[in-house]
Amino acid sequence: MRRFYEELWNDWRIEVAEELVSEAVEFRGSLGTEAHCREAFEAYVETVRRAFPDWHNQIDETIVSGDRVATRMTWTGTHRGLLDDIEPTGLRVEYCGAAFFRLKSGVIERAWVVGDTEAFWRRIRDFDVRRDIDGTPHEVREGRERL
C-alpha cells in the first residue's frame, strides 16, 4: 500500500498503476467516483491531480490479513483546479477516512475508500471565495468574511 499511496498518489507516478492495480480493478474513491478498470482508475487519479495538485495521502495505520489490507488515512490538498462543476477555490482541505483493499498476487483487485467528506464538499461548494489583490482567498458566508 505504501507504493500505491507514496508513488502513485503523492508523487503522481501514474505509470506504477500498471504494476500495482489490476486491469479489471473495481475501485470506489472517497469522493464517490467509481472505476471499473485500470484506465478509468487512472483517469480518476488525473482528475484529483488537476483539482488538487498538492494532494497528499497519509497512511495513519495499516492492518493486513491474508489478501486483505485496511488503512486508516488522512487526505489533504489545496483546491486549485476544476472538480466536477466546482471552480478552484484556493482553499485547503483535510479529511480522514479508511481504505479497504483486496489483493491477488500483490496486485489491487478491489478498493473501497471512504472518508469523512461532508466537511470537504461543504467547504468547497458552499463558500463564496473572494481574493485579495495578492490572490489570498477569503471565505464569505452569510455576509461575514472569514480570514
Protein backbone atom coordinates (compact mmCIF):
# COMPACT_ATOMS: atom_id res chain seq x y z
CA MET A 1 0.00 0.00 0.00
CA ARG A 2 2.92 2.33 0.61
CA ARG A 3 3.84 2.36 -3.10
CA PHE A 4 0.20 2.85 -4.06
CA TYR A 5 -0.05 5.97 -1.91
CA GLU A 6 3.53 7.30 -1.92
CA GLU A 7 4.43 6.76 -5.56
CA LEU A 8 1.14 6.69 -7.44
CA TRP A 9 -0.78 9.31 -5.48
CA ASN A 10 1.71 11.52 -3.61
CA ASP A 11 4.36 11.56 -6.37
CA TRP A 12 1.76 11.39 -9.19
CA ARG A 13 3.61 8.48 -10.84
CA ILE A 14 0.51 7.11 -12.53
CA GLU A 15 2.58 4.67 -14.60
CA VAL A 16 3.09 2.50 -11.47
CA ALA A 17 -0.62 1.64 -11.66
CA GLU A 18 0.38 -0.99 -14.27
CA GLU A 19 2.35 -2.80 -11.55
CA LEU A 20 0.01 -2.21 -8.60
CA VAL A 21 -3.55 -2.14 -9.95
CA SER A 22 -5.37 -4.93 -11.80
CA GLU A 23 -6.52 -4.18 -15.34
CA ALA A 24 -10.04 -5.14 -14.18
CA VAL A 25 -9.91 -3.26 -10.83
CA GLU A 26 -13.14 -2.39 -9.04
CA PHE A 27 -12.46 0.94 -7.33
CA ARG A 28 -14.65 3.32 -5.35
CA GLY A 29 -12.90 6.51 -4.23
CA SER A 30 -13.65 8.62 -1.17
CA LEU A 31 -15.08 11.38 -3.39
CA GLY A 32 -17.72 8.92 -4.65
CA THR A 33 -16.17 8.12 -8.04
CA GLU A 34 -16.27 4.53 -9.23
CA ALA A 35 -13.87 2.96 -11.72
CA HIS A 36 -14.34 -0.48 -13.23
CA CYS A 37 -10.98 -0.84 -14.97
CA ARG A 38 -7.42 0.44 -14.57
CA GLU A 39 -7.84 3.03 -17.34
CA ALA A 40 -10.86 4.57 -15.56
CA PHE A 41 -8.96 4.49 -12.26
CA GLU A 42 -6.02 6.34 -13.85
CA ALA A 43 -8.46 8.95 -15.23
CA TYR A 44 -9.80 9.44 -11.68
CA VAL A 45 -6.25 9.96 -10.36
CA GLU A 46 -5.68 12.58 -13.07
CA THR A 47 -8.93 14.34 -12.12
CA VAL A 48 -7.81 14.58 -8.49
CA ARG A 49 -4.36 15.76 -9.59
CA ARG A 50 -5.78 18.58 -11.73
CA ALA A 51 -8.10 19.73 -8.92
CA PHE A 52 -5.59 19.29 -6.05
CA PRO A 53 -2.01 19.35 -7.41
CA ASP A 54 -0.60 19.12 -3.86
CA TRP A 55 -2.92 16.26 -2.82
CA HIS A 56 -1.32 14.18 -0.07
CA ASN A 57 -2.28 10.75 1.23
CA GLN A 58 -1.02 9.97 4.72
CA ILE A 59 -1.28 6.40 5.96
CA ASP A 60 -2.02 6.61 9.68
CA GLU A 61 -2.42 2.87 10.30
CA THR A 62 -2.34 -0.35 8.27
CA ILE A 63 -3.86 -3.74 9.05
CA VAL A 64 -3.14 -6.79 6.87
CA SER A 65 -5.00 -10.10 6.94
CA GLY A 66 -4.20 -12.52 4.12
CA ASP A 67 -5.16 -10.88 0.82
CA ARG A 68 -6.96 -8.02 2.59
CA VAL A 69 -5.45 -4.67 3.61
CA ALA A 70 -7.12 -1.85 5.53
CA THR A 71 -5.59 1.57 6.02
CA ARG A 72 -6.68 4.49 8.17
CA MET A 73 -5.92 7.64 6.20
CA THR A 74 -5.69 11.43 6.30
CA TRP A 75 -6.03 13.30 2.98
CA THR A 76 -5.03 16.93 2.42
CA GLY A 77 -4.78 19.29 -0.53
CA THR A 78 -5.43 22.76 -1.92
CA HIS A 79 -8.31 23.16 -4.38
CA ARG A 80 -6.53 24.71 -7.38
CA GLY A 81 -8.39 23.20 -10.37
CA LEU A 82 -11.87 22.31 -11.58
CA LEU A 83 -13.54 19.42 -9.69
CA ASP A 84 -16.81 18.31 -11.26
CA ASP A 85 -18.51 21.67 -11.80
CA ILE A 86 -16.74 23.43 -8.93
CA GLU A 87 -14.30 26.16 -9.90
CA PRO A 88 -10.99 26.35 -7.98
CA THR A 89 -11.37 27.99 -4.57
CA GLY A 90 -7.76 28.02 -3.37
CA LEU A 91 -8.98 26.53 -0.10
CA ARG A 92 -7.03 23.90 1.83
CA VAL A 93 -8.99 20.76 2.71
CA GLU A 94 -8.31 17.88 5.08
CA TYR A 95 -10.34 14.83 5.98
CA CYS A 96 -9.89 11.37 7.46
CA GLY A 97 -11.13 8.01 6.36
CA ALA A 98 -10.24 4.42 5.58
CA ALA A 99 -9.43 2.31 2.55
CA PHE A 100 -10.11 -1.39 2.17
CA PHE A 101 -8.26 -3.43 -0.45
CA ARG A 102 -8.37 -6.97 -1.79
CA LEU A 103 -5.18 -8.14 -3.47
CA LYS A 104 -4.31 -11.03 -5.75
CA SER A 105 -0.61 -11.82 -6.14
CA GLY A 106 0.20 -8.39 -4.69
CA VAL A 107 -2.00 -6.50 -7.20
CA ILE A 108 -5.05 -4.47 -6.15
CA GLU A 109 -8.24 -6.09 -7.47
CA ARG A 110 -10.78 -4.20 -5.37
CA ALA A 111 -10.58 -0.97 -3.42
CA TRP A 112 -13.28 0.74 -1.42
CA VAL A 113 -12.24 4.09 0.02
CA VAL A 114 -14.46 6.02 2.42
CA GLY A 115 -13.87 9.34 4.08
CA ASP A 116 -15.50 11.99 6.21
CA THR A 117 -16.14 14.07 3.10
CA GLU A 118 -19.16 16.06 4.30
CA ALA A 119 -16.95 18.91 5.51
CA PHE A 120 -14.81 18.61 2.35
CA TRP A 121 -17.78 19.09 0.00
CA ARG A 122 -19.33 21.80 2.17
CA ARG A 123 -16.05 23.68 2.27
CA ILE A 124 -15.50 23.81 -1.49
CA ARG A 125 -19.19 24.08 -2.54
CA ASP A 126 -20.82 26.40 0.00
CA PHE A 127 -18.32 29.19 0.36
CA ASP A 128 -18.14 32.26 -1.80
CA VAL A 129 -14.42 32.78 -2.12
CA ARG A 130 -13.15 36.31 -2.62
CA ARG A 131 -9.50 37.09 -3.17
CA ASP A 132 -7.28 39.92 -2.04
CA ILE A 133 -5.18 41.72 -4.60
CA ASP A 134 -2.32 39.29 -3.84
CA GLY A 135 -4.59 36.28 -4.53
CA THR A 136 -5.13 35.28 -0.91
CA PRO A 137 -8.56 33.63 -0.59
CA HIS A 138 -11.09 34.86 1.97
CA GLU A 139 -14.23 32.86 2.64
CA VAL A 140 -17.51 34.76 2.70
CA ARG A 141 -20.61 33.18 4.22
CA GLU A 142 -23.83 34.85 5.20
CA GLY A 143 -22.34 38.26 4.63
CA ARG A 144 -19.41 37.75 7.02
CA GLU A 145 -15.87 37.42 5.84
CA ARG A 146 -13.53 34.83 7.36
CA LEU A 147 -9.79 35.31 7.16
